Amino acid sequence: MEHCDIETDSPTRIVIYGGNGFVGTHIAKELADQDACTVCLSRTGYKPLHLKDESWSERIRWCKGDASDPDEQLLQRMDVLICLVGSPPVPTFSKQAYEQQVFMNGVTNATVIDKAQQAGVKRIVLLGAKLPALLQSDQFGYAKGKRLAREAAEQFAAVPGNQATVLQPGAIYGTRYLASGKALHLDWFMRPLATLMPWQFVSVDKVAQRVASVALNESPQQPAFQVIDNRDI
């Protein structure tokens, strides 16, 4: 991974794996607004094109990194890890596609969580998912991956002094952006559905606000392990 400058005197240093994506950029904005020292890692290392004129994005470190091969030296300088790595919950029709779903949604997150524990990180926030009962079987690669990631978070929290939070949102709606910077207004048709089925949908702004709140919460009263369901986000 390329060198990434970090403010060592910042009270809370946060690293986000998957930080330049749909959810990650919203979380980064929340953290920037609260003056948290934040590093967003992605395979490209680039700031998303649609943020080029956003002043808050200048307060974020956009660096290159791979969750399947995390940089331990970087993690050693971090206080909080936020894991957002994953792929969409699409059906798989081959062993290769199934294993890729498990890898992207489970193995990558479990790997970086384990490395964070070794590096001395004390608090993690993992983005899980609220799945219908019929899709919670390990026959569904996405579900198995999410289960493996959650188990890694539980193991992290079992270490004295560590805290782990898993958010399990339903379908997240909001404006998404392509690599070209073009906006996809998926919220135009998902927002009305959220009014009818609030237990199944949640706005990306609410998810970002909750993740940032948990990441910055240094209270010793916070449980070692907690799961926040869609209704409570």
C-alpha atoms as a PDB file:
ATOM      1  CA  MET A   1       0.000   0.000   0.000  1.00  0.00           C
ATOM      2  CA  GLU A   2       1.165   3.512  -0.752  1.00  0.00           C
ATOM      3  CA  HIS A   3       2.221   5.799   2.086  1.00  0.00           C
ATOM      4  CA  CYS A   4      -0.728   7.506   3.767  1.00  0.00           C
ATOM      5  CA  ASP A   5      -0.091  10.506   6.018  1.00  0.00           C
ATOM      6  CA  ILE A   6      -1.909  10.312   9.347  1.00  0.00           C
ATOM      7  CA  GLU A   7      -2.312  12.946  12.044  1.00  0.00           C
ATOM      8  CA  THR A   8      -0.806  11.131  15.007  1.00  0.00           C
ATOM      9  CA  ASP A   9      -2.093  13.750  17.472  1.00  0.00           C
ATOM     10  CA  SER A  10      -5.731  13.310  16.458  1.00  0.00           C
ATOM     11  CA  PRO A  11      -7.865  11.989  19.366  1.00  0.00           C
ATOM     12  CA  THR A  12      -9.590   9.391  17.165  1.00  0.00           C
ATOM     13  CA  ARG A  13      -8.128   7.915  13.986  1.00  0.00           C
ATOM     14  CA  ILE A  14     -10.488   5.929  11.796  1.00  0.00           C
ATOM     15  CA  VAL A  15      -9.849   3.762   8.755  1.00  0.00           C
ATOM     16  CA  ILE A  16     -12.656   2.754   6.385  1.00  0.00           C
ATOM     17  CA  TYR A  17     -12.190  -0.238   4.108  1.00  0.00           C
ATOM     18  CA  GLY A  18     -14.494   0.283   1.153  1.00  0.00           C
ATOM     19  CA  GLY A  19     -14.522   3.988   1.903  1.00  0.00           C
ATOM     20  CA  ASN A  20     -15.037   5.316  -1.620  1.00  0.00           C
ATOM     21  CA  GLY A  21     -18.313   3.488  -2.246  1.00  0.00           C
ATOM     22  CA  PHE A  22     -21.973   4.445  -1.855  1.00  0.00           C
ATOM     23  CA  VAL A  23     -22.158   3.975   1.922  1.00  0.00           C
ATOM     24  CA  GLY A  24     -18.498   4.704   2.597  1.00  0.00           C
ATOM     25  CA  THR A  25     -18.522   8.218   1.163  1.00  0.00           C
ATOM     26  CA  HIS A  26     -21.550   9.165   3.254  1.00  0.00           C
ATOM     27  CA  ILE A  27     -19.849   7.860   6.396  1.00  0.00           C
ATOM     28  CA  ALA A  28     -16.688   9.744   5.480  1.00  0.00           C
ATOM     29  CA  LYS A  29     -18.693  12.969   5.221  1.00  0.00           C
ATOM     30  CA  GLU A  30     -20.230  12.442   8.658  1.00  0.00           C
ATOM     31  CA  LEU A  31     -16.784  11.856  10.156  1.00  0.00           C
ATOM     32  CA  ALA A  32     -15.268  14.832   8.330  1.00  0.00           C
ATOM     33  CA  ASP A  33     -18.049  17.057   9.675  1.00  0.00           C
ATOM     34  CA  GLN A  34     -17.008  15.960  13.173  1.00  0.00           C
ATOM     35  CA  ASP A  35     -13.300  16.595  12.482  1.00  0.00           C
ATOM     36  CA  ALA A  36     -12.312  12.949  12.893  1.00  0.00           C
ATOM     37  CA  CYS A  37      -9.037  11.907  11.278  1.00  0.00           C
ATOM     38  CA  THR A  38     -10.341   9.539   8.590  1.00  0.00           C
ATOM     39  CA  VAL A  39      -8.614   7.360   6.007  1.00  0.00           C
ATOM     40  CA  CYS A  40     -10.707   5.877   3.191  1.00  0.00           C
ATOM     41  CA  LEU A  41      -9.135   2.840   1.557  1.00  0.00           C
ATOM     42  CA  SER A  42     -10.076   1.321  -1.780  1.00  0.00           C
ATOM     43  CA  ARG A  43      -8.345  -0.676  -4.481  1.00  0.00           C
ATOM     44  CA  THR A  44      -7.980   2.406  -6.678  1.00  0.00           C
ATOM     45  CA  GLY A  45      -7.021   4.826  -3.934  1.00  0.00           C
ATOM     46  CA  TYR A  46      -8.816   7.638  -5.739  1.00  0.00           C
ATOM     47  CA  LYS A  47     -11.402  10.047  -4.439  1.00  0.00           C
ATOM     48  CA  PRO A  48     -14.708   9.477  -6.287  1.00  0.00           C
ATOM     49  CA  LEU A  49     -15.218  11.860  -9.182  1.00  0.00           C
ATOM     50  CA  HIS A  50     -18.524  13.200  -7.883  1.00  0.00           C
ATOM     51  CA  LEU A  51     -16.758  14.536  -4.773  1.00  0.00           C
ATOM     52  CA  LYS A  52     -14.221  16.703  -6.609  1.00  0.00           C
ATOM     53  CA  ASP A  53     -16.013  19.936  -5.652  1.00  0.00           C
ATOM     54  CA  GLU A  54     -17.004  18.871  -2.126  1.00  0.00           C
ATOM     55  CA  SER A  55     -14.895  20.790   0.399  1.00  0.00           C
ATOM     56  CA  TRP A  56     -15.334  18.183   3.136  1.00  0.00           C
ATOM     57  CA  SER A  57     -13.629  15.548   0.966  1.00  0.00           C
ATOM     58  CA  GLU A  58     -10.367  17.497   1.237  1.00  0.00           C
ATOM     59  CA  ARG A  59     -10.273  16.583   4.937  1.00  0.00           C
ATOM     60  CA  ILE A  60     -10.277  12.853   4.130  1.00  0.00           C
ATOM     61  CA  ARG A  61      -7.200  10.794   3.236  1.00  0.00           C
ATOM     62  CA  TRP A  62      -8.010   8.778   0.112  1.00  0.00           C
ATOM     63  CA  CYS A  63      -5.509   5.937  -0.102  1.00  0.00           C
ATOM     64  CA  LYS A  64      -4.994   2.629  -1.850  1.00  0.00           C
ATOM     65  CA  GLY A  65      -5.559  -0.546   0.147  1.00  0.00           C
ATOM     66  CA  ASP A  66      -6.888  -4.094  -0.138  1.00  0.00           C
ATOM     67  CA  ALA A  67      -8.977  -5.677   2.616  1.00  0.00           C
ATOM     68  CA  SER A  68      -7.808  -9.145   1.588  1.00  0.00           C
ATOM     69  CA  ASP A  69      -4.213  -8.033   2.222  1.00  0.00           C
ATOM     70  CA  PRO A  70      -4.467  -5.327   4.896  1.00  0.00           C
ATOM     71  CA  ASP A  71      -1.560  -3.074   5.797  1.00  0.00           C
ATOM     72  CA  GLU A  72      -0.698  -3.859   9.416  1.00  0.00           C
ATOM     73  CA  GLN A  73       1.514  -0.799   9.831  1.00  0.00           C
ATOM     74  CA  LEU A  74      -1.399   1.447   8.905  1.00  0.00           C
ATOM     75  CA  LEU A  75      -3.760  -0.410  11.238  1.00  0.00           C
ATOM     76  CA  GLN A  76      -1.297  -0.006  14.099  1.00  0.00           C
ATOM     77  CA  ARG A  77      -1.873   3.760  13.877  1.00  0.00           C
ATOM     78  CA  MET A  78      -5.672   3.456  13.930  1.00  0.00           C
ATOM     79  CA  ASP A  79      -8.162   3.528  16.788  1.00  0.00           C
ATOM     80  CA  VAL A  80     -11.260   2.417  14.869  1.00  0.00           C
ATOM     81  CA  LEU A  81     -11.845   0.133  11.883  1.00  0.00           C
ATOM     82  CA  ILE A  82     -14.985   0.414   9.749  1.00  0.00           C
ATOM     83  CA  CYS A  83     -15.572  -2.548   7.400  1.00  0.00           C
ATOM     84  CA  LEU A  84     -17.821  -1.936   4.392  1.00  0.00           C
ATOM     85  CA  VAL A  85     -16.383  -4.384   1.866  1.00  0.00           C
ATOM     86  CA  GLY A  86     -18.939  -6.460  -0.009  1.00  0.00           C
ATOM     87  CA  SER A  87     -20.753  -7.278  -3.216  1.00  0.00           C
ATOM     88  CA  PRO A  88     -24.493  -7.120  -4.028  1.00  0.00           C
ATOM     89  CA  PRO A  89     -26.760 -10.005  -2.901  1.00  0.00           C
ATOM     90  CA  VAL A  90     -27.237 -11.506  -6.348  1.00  0.00           C
ATOM     91  CA  PRO A  91     -27.965 -15.202  -7.042  1.00  0.00           C
ATOM     92  CA  THR A  92     -25.012 -17.387  -7.999  1.00  0.00           C
ATOM     93  CA  PHE A  93     -25.210 -20.147 -10.592  1.00  0.00           C
ATOM     94  CA  SER A  94     -21.692 -21.552 -10.446  1.00  0.00           C
ATOM     95  CA  LYS A  95     -19.246 -22.651  -7.774  1.00  0.00           C
ATOM     96  CA  GLN A  96     -16.882 -19.862  -8.772  1.00  0.00           C
ATOM     97  CA  ALA A  97     -19.570 -17.189  -8.434  1.00  0.00           C
ATOM     98  CA  TYR A  98     -20.650 -18.633  -5.067  1.00  0.00           C
ATOM     99  CA  GLU A  99     -17.101 -18.620  -3.724  1.00  0.00           C
ATOM    100  CA  GLN A 100     -16.616 -15.065  -4.955  1.00  0.00           C
ATOM    101  CA  GLN A 101     -19.680 -13.937  -2.991  1.00  0.00           C
ATOM    102  CA  VAL A 102     -18.358 -15.636   0.141  1.00  0.00           C
ATOM    103  CA  PHE A 103     -14.938 -14.088  -0.389  1.00  0.00           C
ATOM    104  CA  MET A 104     -16.151 -10.534  -1.011  1.00  0.00           C
ATOM    105  CA  ASN A 105     -18.727 -10.439   1.793  1.00  0.00           C
ATOM    106  CA  GLY A 106     -17.010 -12.664   4.331  1.00  0.00           C
ATOM    107  CA  VAL A 107     -13.358 -13.547   3.889  1.00  0.00           C
ATOM    108  CA  THR A 108     -12.193 -10.013   3.113  1.00  0.00           C
ATOM    109  CA  ASN A 109     -13.914  -8.500   6.147  1.00  0.00           C
ATOM    110  CA  ALA A 110     -12.803 -11.355   8.416  1.00  0.00           C
ATOM    111  CA  THR A 111      -9.220 -10.925   7.223  1.00  0.00           C
ATOM    112  CA  VAL A 112      -9.020  -7.220   7.958  1.00  0.00           C
ATOM    113  CA  ILE A 113     -10.811  -7.630  11.313  1.00  0.00           C
ATOM    114  CA  ASP A 114      -8.304 -10.298  12.356  1.00  0.00           C
ATOM    115  CA  LYS A 115      -5.391  -8.127  11.245  1.00  0.00           C
ATOM    116  CA  ALA A 116      -6.856  -5.150  13.118  1.00  0.00           C
ATOM    117  CA  GLN A 117      -6.979  -7.198  16.305  1.00  0.00           C
ATOM    118  CA  GLN A 118      -3.327  -8.135  15.884  1.00  0.00           C
ATOM    119  CA  ALA A 119      -2.472  -4.473  15.250  1.00  0.00           C
ATOM    120  CA  GLY A 120      -4.110  -3.325  18.483  1.00  0.00           C
ATOM    121  CA  VAL A 121      -7.259  -1.664  17.124  1.00  0.00           C
ATOM    122  CA  LYS A 122      -9.825  -1.583  19.927  1.00  0.00           C
ATOM    123  CA  ARG A 123     -13.092  -0.765  18.154  1.00  0.00           C
ATOM    124  CA  ILE A 124     -14.645  -1.970  14.909  1.00  0.00           C
ATOM    125  CA  VAL A 125     -17.896  -1.299  13.068  1.00  0.00           C
ATOM    126  CA  LEU A 126     -19.043  -3.865  10.502  1.00  0.00           C
ATOM    127  CA  LEU A 127     -21.755  -3.351   7.911  1.00  0.00           C
ATOM    128  CA  GLY A 128     -23.864  -6.493   7.819  1.00  0.00           C
ATOM    129  CA  ALA A 129     -27.293  -6.959   6.271  1.00  0.00           C
ATOM    130  CA  LYS A 130     -30.872  -7.745   7.256  1.00  0.00           C
ATOM    131  CA  LEU A 131     -31.847 -10.760   5.169  1.00  0.00           C
ATOM    132  CA  PRO A 132     -35.235 -12.454   4.758  1.00  0.00           C
ATOM    133  CA  ALA A 133     -35.408 -15.811   6.531  1.00  0.00           C
ATOM    134  CA  LEU A 134     -35.448 -17.712   3.228  1.00  0.00           C
ATOM    135  CA  LEU A 135     -32.097 -16.206   2.230  1.00  0.00           C
ATOM    136  CA  GLN A 136     -30.216 -16.841   5.478  1.00  0.00           C
ATOM    137  CA  SER A 137     -28.984 -20.282   4.435  1.00  0.00           C
ATOM    138  CA  ASP A 138     -25.316 -20.939   3.672  1.00  0.00           C
ATOM    139  CA  GLN A 139     -26.491 -22.086   0.252  1.00  0.00           C
ATOM    140  CA  PHE A 140     -26.716 -18.370  -0.508  1.00  0.00           C
ATOM    141  CA  GLY A 141     -23.128 -17.134  -0.906  1.00  0.00           C
ATOM    142  CA  TYR A 142     -23.970 -13.609   0.215  1.00  0.00           C
ATOM    143  CA  ALA A 143     -25.526 -14.879   3.456  1.00  0.00           C
ATOM    144  CA  LYS A 144     -22.613 -17.176   4.226  1.00  0.00           C
ATOM    145  CA  GLY A 145     -20.176 -14.334   3.676  1.00  0.00           C
ATOM    146  CA  LYS A 146     -22.086 -12.015   5.994  1.00  0.00           C
ATOM    147  CA  ARG A 147     -22.187 -14.767   8.635  1.00  0.00           C
ATOM    148  CA  LEU A 148     -18.428 -15.279   8.457  1.00  0.00           C
ATOM    149  CA  ALA A 149     -17.854 -11.543   8.818  1.00  0.00           C
ATOM    150  CA  ARG A 150     -20.157 -11.346  11.838  1.00  0.00           C
ATOM    151  CA  GLU A 151     -18.394 -14.299  13.477  1.00  0.00           C
ATOM    152  CA  ALA A 152     -15.086 -12.497  12.991  1.00  0.00           C
ATOM    153  CA  ALA A 153     -16.558  -9.436  14.722  1.00  0.00           C
ATOM    154  CA  GLU A 154     -17.744 -11.604  17.621  1.00  0.00           C
ATOM    155  CA  GLN A 155     -14.270 -13.101  17.988  1.00  0.00           C
ATOM    156  CA  PHE A 156     -12.771  -9.607  17.954  1.00  0.00           C
ATOM    157  CA  ALA A 157     -15.141  -8.513  20.735  1.00  0.00           C
ATOM    158  CA  ALA A 158     -14.191 -11.546  22.837  1.00  0.00           C
ATOM    159  CA  VAL A 159     -10.769  -9.984  23.439  1.00  0.00           C
ATOM    160  CA  PRO A 160     -10.836  -7.945  26.679  1.00  0.00           C
ATOM    161  CA  GLY A 161     -10.994  -4.214  25.992  1.00  0.00           C
ATOM    162  CA  ASN A 162     -12.302  -4.604  22.445  1.00  0.00           C
ATOM    163  CA  GLN A 163     -15.674  -3.418  21.121  1.00  0.00           C
ATOM    164  CA  ALA A 164     -17.460  -4.549  17.968  1.00  0.00           C
ATOM    165  CA  THR A 165     -20.714  -3.317  16.466  1.00  0.00           C
ATOM    166  CA  VAL A 166     -22.545  -4.932  13.556  1.00  0.00           C
ATOM    167  CA  LEU A 167     -25.167  -2.893  11.711  1.00  0.00           C
ATOM    168  CA  GLN A 168     -27.789  -4.929   9.877  1.00  0.00           C
ATOM    169  CA  PRO A 169     -29.664  -2.541   7.587  1.00  0.00           C
ATOM    170  CA  GLY A 170     -32.266  -3.589   5.076  1.00  0.00           C
ATOM    171  CA  ALA A 171     -32.207  -2.139   1.580  1.00  0.00           C
ATOM    172  CA  ILE A 172     -30.239   1.115   1.683  1.00  0.00           C
ATOM    173  CA  TYR A 173     -31.580   3.885  -0.522  1.00  0.00           C
ATOM    174  CA  GLY A 174     -30.072   7.151  -1.683  1.00  0.00           C
ATOM    175  CA  THR A 175     -28.355   8.650  -4.708  1.00  0.00           C
ATOM    176  CA  ARG A 176     -25.602   6.414  -6.053  1.00  0.00           C
ATOM    177  CA  TYR A 177     -22.868   7.507  -8.420  1.00  0.00           C
ATOM    178  CA  LEU A 178     -21.081   5.718 -11.234  1.00  0.00           C
ATOM    179  CA  ALA A 179     -17.302   5.939 -11.637  1.00  0.00           C
ATOM    180  CA  SER A 180     -17.955   8.597 -14.283  1.00  0.00           C
ATOM    181  CA  GLY A 181     -19.677  10.761 -11.662  1.00  0.00           C
ATOM    182  CA  LYS A 182     -23.152  10.261 -13.132  1.00  0.00           C
ATOM    183  CA  ALA A 183     -25.919  10.104 -10.528  1.00  0.00           C
ATOM    184  CA  LEU A 184     -28.369   7.213 -10.215  1.00  0.00           C
ATOM    185  CA  HIS A 185     -31.403   8.415  -8.268  1.00  0.00           C
ATOM    186  CA  LEU A 186     -32.518   5.052  -6.904  1.00  0.00           C
ATOM    187  CA  ASP A 187     -34.123   6.814  -3.963  1.00  0.00           C
ATOM    188  CA  TRP A 188     -36.848   8.164  -6.245  1.00  0.00           C
ATOM    189  CA  PHE A 189     -38.620   4.814  -6.221  1.00  0.00           C
ATOM    190  CA  MET A 190     -37.162   3.284  -3.032  1.00  0.00           C
ATOM    191  CA  ARG A 191     -38.160   6.136  -0.731  1.00  0.00           C
ATOM    192  CA  PRO A 192     -41.933   5.552  -1.208  1.00  0.00           C
ATOM    193  CA  LEU A 193     -41.366   1.856  -0.452  1.00  0.00           C
ATOM    194  CA  ALA A 194     -39.567   2.843   2.740  1.00  0.00           C
ATOM    195  CA  THR A 195     -42.693   4.691   3.852  1.00  0.00           C
ATOM    196  CA  LEU A 196     -44.744   1.530   3.373  1.00  0.00           C
ATOM    197  CA  MET A 197     -42.145  -0.899   4.766  1.00  0.00           C
ATOM    198  CA  PRO A 198     -39.858   1.006   7.173  1.00  0.00           C
ATOM    199  CA  TRP A 199     -38.566  -2.266   8.629  1.00  0.00           C
ATOM    200  CA  GLN A 200     -37.065  -3.266   5.272  1.00  0.00           C
ATOM    201  CA  PHE A 201     -35.598   0.028   3.973  1.00  0.00           C
ATOM    202  CA  VAL A 202     -33.300   2.687   5.418  1.00  0.00           C
ATOM    203  CA  SER A 203     -31.692   5.824   4.015  1.00  0.00           C
ATOM    204  CA  VAL A 204     -27.944   5.941   3.481  1.00  0.00           C
ATOM    205  CA  ASP A 205     -27.836   9.126   5.564  1.00  0.00           C
ATOM    206  CA  LYS A 206     -29.240   7.313   8.603  1.00  0.00           C
ATOM    207  CA  VAL A 207     -26.775   4.456   8.168  1.00  0.00           C
ATOM    208  CA  ALA A 208     -23.871   6.895   7.887  1.00  0.00           C
ATOM    209  CA  GLN A 209     -24.960   8.854  10.949  1.00  0.00           C
ATOM    210  CA  ARG A 210     -25.282   5.702  13.054  1.00  0.00           C
ATOM    211  CA  VAL A 211     -21.942   4.277  11.944  1.00  0.00           C
ATOM    212  CA  ALA A 212     -20.181   7.570  12.689  1.00  0.00           C
ATOM    213  CA  SER A 213     -21.871   7.797  16.085  1.00  0.00           C
ATOM    214  CA  VAL A 214     -20.737   4.298  17.065  1.00  0.00           C
ATOM    215  CA  ALA A 215     -17.240   4.813  15.689  1.00  0.00           C
ATOM    216  CA  LEU A 216     -16.741   7.974  17.750  1.00  0.00           C
ATOM    217  CA  ASN A 217     -18.354   6.635  20.928  1.00  0.00           C
ATOM    218  CA  GLU A 218     -15.542   6.020  23.400  1.00  0.00           C
ATOM    219  CA  SER A 219     -17.832   5.342  26.347  1.00  0.00           C
ATOM    220  CA  PRO A 220     -16.771   2.320  28.421  1.00  0.00           C
ATOM    221  CA  GLN A 221     -20.493   1.637  28.906  1.00  0.00           C
ATOM    222  CA  GLN A 222     -20.787   0.568  25.275  1.00  0.00           C
ATOM    223  CA  PRO A 223     -21.238  -3.238  25.108  1.00  0.00           C
ATOM    224  CA  ALA A 224     -18.333  -5.349  23.906  1.00  0.00           C
ATOM    225  CA  PHE A 225     -20.533  -6.722  21.124  1.00  0.00           C
ATOM    226  CA  GLN A 226     -23.797  -5.365  19.778  1.00  0.00           C
ATOM    227  CA  VAL A 227     -25.983  -5.825  16.722  1.00  0.00           C
ATOM    228  CA  ILE A 228     -28.047  -2.866  15.524  1.00  0.00           C
ATOM    229  CA  ASP A 229     -31.029  -3.920  13.437  1.00  0.00           C
ATOM    230  CA  ASN A 230     -32.643  -1.938  10.636  1.00  0.00           C
ATOM    231  CA  ARG A 231     -35.414  -0.575  12.892  1.00  0.00           C
ATOM    232  CA  ASP A 232     -32.862   0.897  15.318  1.00  0.00           C
ATOM    233  CA  ILE A 233     -30.649   2.628  12.768  1.00  0.00           C
END
